[in-house]
Amino acid sequence: MIVMDLERHLTISYVMNRMAPVIIGSDGSEAYIRAIYQAVGVPLSGERAGVGGR
C-alpha cells in the first residue's frame, strides 16, 4: 500500500508480511497510517494534532 499526501508532502509505504482477506486495507494498515500521522503531528479528519484515536 502506498499513500501519497501531496498537500503535506508525505509519502507512506507499507508492505504486509501476511496478506489479509480484504480487498483494500485492513485494521492493521489503518492503525499504522494513523500512527504515522500522529507521530508527525498531522491531524486527520475530525482529529486535532497530537491526539490520535477514532
PDB file of N, CA and C in Angstrom:
ATOM      1  N   MET A   1       0.856  -1.161   0.000  1.00  0.00           N
ATOM      2  CA  MET A   1       0.000   0.000   0.000  1.00  0.00           C
ATOM      3  C   MET A   1       0.904   1.227   0.000  1.00  0.00           C
ATOM      4  N   ILE A   2       0.552   2.191  -0.823  1.00  0.00           N
ATOM      5  CA  ILE A   2       1.268   3.464  -0.876  1.00  0.00           C
ATOM      6  C   ILE A   2       0.260   4.588  -0.648  1.00  0.00           C
ATOM      7  N   VAL A   3       0.593   5.498   0.243  1.00  0.00           N
ATOM      8  CA  VAL A   3      -0.230   6.684   0.483  1.00  0.00           C
ATOM      9  C   VAL A   3       0.623   7.894   0.149  1.00  0.00           C
ATOM     10  N   MET A   4       0.145   8.700  -0.786  1.00  0.00           N
ATOM     11  CA  MET A   4       0.840   9.940  -1.138  1.00  0.00           C
ATOM     12  C   MET A   4      -0.052  11.110  -0.751  1.00  0.00           C
ATOM     13  N   ASP A   5       0.348  11.837   0.264  1.00  0.00           N
ATOM     14  CA  ASP A   5      -0.384  13.007   0.728  1.00  0.00           C
ATOM     15  C   ASP A   5       0.328  14.217   0.127  1.00  0.00           C
ATOM     16  N   LEU A   6      -0.139  14.642  -1.033  1.00  0.00           N
ATOM     17  CA  LEU A   6       0.523  15.726  -1.756  1.00  0.00           C
ATOM     18  C   LEU A   6       0.472  17.052  -1.015  1.00  0.00           C
ATOM     19  N   GLU A   7      -0.629  17.293  -0.313  1.00  0.00           N
ATOM     20  CA  GLU A   7      -0.787  18.548   0.417  1.00  0.00           C
ATOM     21  C   GLU A   7       0.257  18.691   1.525  1.00  0.00           C
ATOM     22  N   ARG A   8       0.587  17.583   2.168  1.00  0.00           N
ATOM     23  CA  ARG A   8       1.521  17.626   3.292  1.00  0.00           C
ATOM     24  C   ARG A   8       2.926  17.164   2.924  1.00  0.00           C
ATOM     25  N   HIS A   9       3.143  16.860   1.640  1.00  0.00           N
ATOM     26  CA  HIS A   9       4.458  16.401   1.161  1.00  0.00           C
ATOM     27  C   HIS A   9       4.917  15.171   1.943  1.00  0.00           C
ATOM     28  N   LEU A  10       4.018  14.181   2.078  1.00  0.00           N
ATOM     29  CA  LEU A  10       4.272  12.991   2.873  1.00  0.00           C
ATOM     30  C   LEU A  10       3.897  11.755   2.063  1.00  0.00           C
ATOM     31  N   THR A  11       4.815  10.800   1.992  1.00  0.00           N
ATOM     32  CA  THR A  11       4.544   9.529   1.331  1.00  0.00           C
ATOM     33  C   THR A  11       4.810   8.408   2.318  1.00  0.00           C
ATOM     34  N   ILE A  12       3.885   7.469   2.397  1.00  0.00           N
ATOM     35  CA  ILE A  12       3.993   6.327   3.303  1.00  0.00           C
ATOM     36  C   ILE A  12       3.843   5.064   2.466  1.00  0.00           C
ATOM     37  N   SER A  13       4.748   4.119   2.660  1.00  0.00           N
ATOM     38  CA  SER A  13       4.589   2.821   2.002  1.00  0.00           C
ATOM     39  C   SER A  13       4.537   1.734   3.072  1.00  0.00           C
ATOM     40  N   TYR A  14       3.749   0.719   2.808  1.00  0.00           N
ATOM     41  CA  TYR A  14       3.537  -0.355   3.772  1.00  0.00           C
ATOM     42  C   TYR A  14       3.378  -1.658   3.014  1.00  0.00           C
ATOM     43  N   VAL A  15       4.165  -2.657   3.389  1.00  0.00           N
ATOM     44  CA  VAL A  15       4.064  -3.976   2.777  1.00  0.00           C
ATOM     45  C   VAL A  15       3.735  -4.972   3.874  1.00  0.00           C
ATOM     46  N   MET A  16       2.620  -5.666   3.712  1.00  0.00           N
ATOM     47  CA  MET A  16       2.200  -6.648   4.707  1.00  0.00           C
ATOM     48  C   MET A  16       3.086  -7.883   4.628  1.00  0.00           C
ATOM     49  N   ASN A  17       3.386  -8.481   5.761  1.00  0.00           N
ATOM     50  CA  ASN A  17       4.134  -9.725   5.735  1.00  0.00           C
ATOM     51  C   ASN A  17       3.197 -10.928   5.631  1.00  0.00           C
ATOM     52  N   ARG A  18       1.903 -10.684   5.752  1.00  0.00           N
ATOM     53  CA  ARG A  18       0.899 -11.723   5.567  1.00  0.00           C
ATOM     54  C   ARG A  18      -0.331 -11.059   4.965  1.00  0.00           C
ATOM     55  N   MET A  19      -0.817 -11.592   3.870  1.00  0.00           N
ATOM     56  CA  MET A  19      -1.967 -10.999   3.195  1.00  0.00           C
ATOM     57  C   MET A  19      -3.226 -11.137   4.043  1.00  0.00           C
ATOM     58  N   ALA A  20      -4.011 -10.081   4.059  1.00  0.00           N
ATOM     59  CA  ALA A  20      -5.287 -10.079   4.773  1.00  0.00           C
ATOM     60  C   ALA A  20      -6.395 -10.463   3.797  1.00  0.00           C
ATOM     61  N   PRO A  21      -7.492 -11.026   4.278  1.00  0.00           N
ATOM     62  CA  PRO A  21      -8.583 -11.447   3.395  1.00  0.00           C
ATOM     63  C   PRO A  21      -9.522 -10.305   2.991  1.00  0.00           C
ATOM     64  N   VAL A  22      -9.005  -9.095   2.862  1.00  0.00           N
ATOM     65  CA  VAL A  22      -9.814  -7.948   2.438  1.00  0.00           C
ATOM     66  C   VAL A  22      -9.218  -7.375   1.165  1.00  0.00           C
ATOM     67  N   ILE A  23     -10.030  -6.669   0.417  1.00  0.00           N
ATOM     68  CA  ILE A  23      -9.573  -6.144  -0.869  1.00  0.00           C
ATOM     69  C   ILE A  23      -8.719  -4.898  -0.684  1.00  0.00           C
ATOM     70  N   ILE A  24      -9.189  -3.944   0.101  1.00  0.00           N
ATOM     71  CA  ILE A  24      -8.464  -2.681   0.270  1.00  0.00           C
ATOM     72  C   ILE A  24      -8.226  -2.431   1.749  1.00  0.00           C
ATOM     73  N   GLY A  25      -6.958  -2.419   2.144  1.00  0.00           N
ATOM     74  CA  GLY A  25      -6.603  -2.078   3.515  1.00  0.00           C
ATOM     75  C   GLY A  25      -7.055  -3.095   4.547  1.00  0.00           C
ATOM     76  N   SER A  26      -6.664  -2.837   5.764  1.00  0.00           N
ATOM     77  CA  SER A  26      -7.045  -3.690   6.884  1.00  0.00           C
ATOM     78  C   SER A  26      -6.983  -2.837   8.143  1.00  0.00           C
ATOM     79  N   ASP A  27      -7.448  -3.379   9.239  1.00  0.00           N
ATOM     80  CA  ASP A  27      -7.376  -2.632  10.504  1.00  0.00           C
ATOM     81  C   ASP A  27      -5.923  -2.332  10.869  1.00  0.00           C
ATOM     82  N   GLY A  28      -5.032  -3.291  10.598  1.00  0.00           N
ATOM     83  CA  GLY A  28      -3.618  -3.092  10.909  1.00  0.00           C
ATOM     84  C   GLY A  28      -2.987  -1.990  10.084  1.00  0.00           C
ATOM     85  N   SER A  29      -3.273  -1.960   8.791  1.00  0.00           N
ATOM     86  CA  SER A  29      -2.698  -0.918   7.948  1.00  0.00           C
ATOM     87  C   SER A  29      -3.284   0.453   8.281  1.00  0.00           C
ATOM     88  N   GLU A  30      -4.560   0.501   8.642  1.00  0.00           N
ATOM     89  CA  GLU A  30      -5.171   1.772   9.048  1.00  0.00           C
ATOM     90  C   GLU A  30      -4.518   2.297  10.332  1.00  0.00           C
ATOM     91  N   ALA A  31      -4.289   1.398  11.283  1.00  0.00           N
ATOM     92  CA  ALA A  31      -3.647   1.797  12.536  1.00  0.00           C
ATOM     93  C   ALA A  31      -2.227   2.297  12.285  1.00  0.00           C
ATOM     94  N   TYR A  32      -1.528   1.647  11.365  1.00  0.00           N
ATOM     95  CA  TYR A  32      -0.162   2.041  11.007  1.00  0.00           C
ATOM     96  C   TYR A  32      -0.150   3.456  10.418  1.00  0.00           C
ATOM     97  N   ILE A  33      -1.044   3.726   9.487  1.00  0.00           N
ATOM     98  CA  ILE A  33      -1.132   5.048   8.855  1.00  0.00           C
ATOM     99  C   ILE A  33      -1.500   6.108   9.889  1.00  0.00           C
ATOM    100  N   ARG A  34      -2.473   5.827  10.743  1.00  0.00           N
ATOM    101  CA  ARG A  34      -2.866   6.784  11.784  1.00  0.00           C
ATOM    102  C   ARG A  34      -1.704   7.077  12.728  1.00  0.00           C
ATOM    103  N   ALA A  35      -0.931   6.045  13.086  1.00  0.00           N
ATOM    104  CA  ALA A  35       0.210   6.229  13.984  1.00  0.00           C
ATOM    105  C   ALA A  35       1.280   7.115  13.349  1.00  0.00           C
ATOM    106  N   ILE A  36       1.502   6.969  12.058  1.00  0.00           N
ATOM    107  CA  ILE A  36       2.487   7.809  11.366  1.00  0.00           C
ATOM    108  C   ILE A  36       2.035   9.258  11.359  1.00  0.00           C
ATOM    109  N   TYR A  37       0.779   9.494  11.002  1.00  0.00           N
ATOM    110  CA  TYR A  37       0.271  10.868  11.006  1.00  0.00           C
ATOM    111  C   TYR A  37       0.338  11.477  12.404  1.00  0.00           C
ATOM    112  N   GLN A  38       0.025  10.687  13.418  1.00  0.00           N
ATOM    113  CA  GLN A  38       0.099  11.190  14.794  1.00  0.00           C
ATOM    114  C   GLN A  38       1.548  11.507  15.163  1.00  0.00           C
ATOM    115  N   ALA A  39       2.490  10.659  14.753  1.00  0.00           N
ATOM    116  CA  ALA A  39       3.904  10.869  15.085  1.00  0.00           C
ATOM    117  C   ALA A  39       4.455  12.151  14.476  1.00  0.00           C
ATOM    118  N   VAL A  40       3.963  12.520  13.293  1.00  0.00           N
ATOM    119  CA  VAL A  40       4.443  13.758  12.673  1.00  0.00           C
ATOM    120  C   VAL A  40       3.559  14.952  13.018  1.00  0.00           C
ATOM    121  N   GLY A  41       2.537  14.732  13.859  1.00  0.00           N
ATOM    122  CA  GLY A  41       1.703  15.826  14.347  1.00  0.00           C
ATOM    123  C   GLY A  41       0.706  16.353  13.342  1.00  0.00           C
ATOM    124  N   VAL A  42       0.258  15.479  12.437  1.00  0.00           N
ATOM    125  CA  VAL A  42      -0.702  15.902  11.423  1.00  0.00           C
ATOM    126  C   VAL A  42      -2.093  15.405  11.803  1.00  0.00           C
ATOM    127  N   PRO A  43      -3.053  16.311  11.918  1.00  0.00           N
ATOM    128  CA  PRO A  43      -4.409  15.877  12.258  1.00  0.00           C
ATOM    129  C   PRO A  43      -5.084  15.192  11.072  1.00  0.00           C
ATOM    130  N   LEU A  44      -5.828  14.140  11.339  1.00  0.00           N
ATOM    131  CA  LEU A  44      -6.660  13.503  10.327  1.00  0.00           C
ATOM    132  C   LEU A  44      -8.063  14.062  10.473  1.00  0.00           C
ATOM    133  N   SER A  45      -8.953  13.734   9.581  1.00  0.00           N
ATOM    134  CA  SER A  45     -10.297  14.306   9.623  1.00  0.00           C
ATOM    135  C   SER A  45     -10.932  14.101  10.990  1.00  0.00           C
ATOM    136  N   GLY A  46     -11.365  15.189  11.609  1.00  0.00           N
ATOM    137  CA  GLY A  46     -12.027  15.141  12.898  1.00  0.00           C
ATOM    138  C   GLY A  46     -11.105  15.007  14.091  1.00  0.00           C
ATOM    139  N   GLU A  47      -9.791  15.100  13.866  1.00  0.00           N
ATOM    140  CA  GLU A  47      -8.844  14.967  14.965  1.00  0.00           C
ATOM    141  C   GLU A  47      -8.013  16.239  15.095  1.00  0.00           C
ATOM    142  N   ARG A  48      -7.441  16.441  16.286  1.00  0.00           N
ATOM    143  CA  ARG A  48      -6.534  17.553  16.491  1.00  0.00           C
ATOM    144  C   ARG A  48      -5.113  17.043  16.464  1.00  0.00           C
ATOM    145  N   ALA A  49      -4.163  17.898  16.125  1.00  0.00           N
ATOM    146  CA  ALA A  49      -2.755  17.489  16.056  1.00  0.00           C
ATOM    147  C   ALA A  49      -2.316  16.911  17.392  1.00  0.00           C
ATOM    148  N   GLY A  50      -1.612  15.773  17.317  1.00  0.00           N
ATOM    149  CA  GLY A  50      -1.074  15.146  18.519  1.00  0.00           C
ATOM    150  C   GLY A  50      -2.062  14.302  19.288  1.00  0.00           C
ATOM    151  N   VAL A  51      -3.311  14.221  18.822  1.00  0.00           N
ATOM    152  CA  VAL A  51      -4.321  13.431  19.516  1.00  0.00           C
ATOM    153  C   VAL A  51      -4.824  12.370  18.546  1.00  0.00           C
ATOM    154  N   GLY A  52      -4.536  11.107  18.825  1.00  0.00           N
ATOM    155  CA  GLY A  52      -4.945  10.024  17.933  1.00  0.00           C
ATOM    156  C   GLY A  52      -6.295   9.464  18.317  1.00  0.00           C
ATOM    157  N   GLY A  53      -6.615   8.314  17.734  1.00  0.00           N
ATOM    158  CA  GLY A  53      -7.864   7.643  18.045  1.00  0.00           C
ATOM    159  C   GLY A  53      -8.907   7.876  16.999  1.00  0.00           C
ATOM    160  N   ARG A  54     -10.019   7.175  17.176  1.00  0.00           N
ATOM    161  CA  ARG A  54     -11.094   7.273  16.185  1.00  0.00           C
ATOM    162  C   ARG A  54     -12.237   8.074  16.701  1.00  0.00           C
TER     163      ARG A  54
END
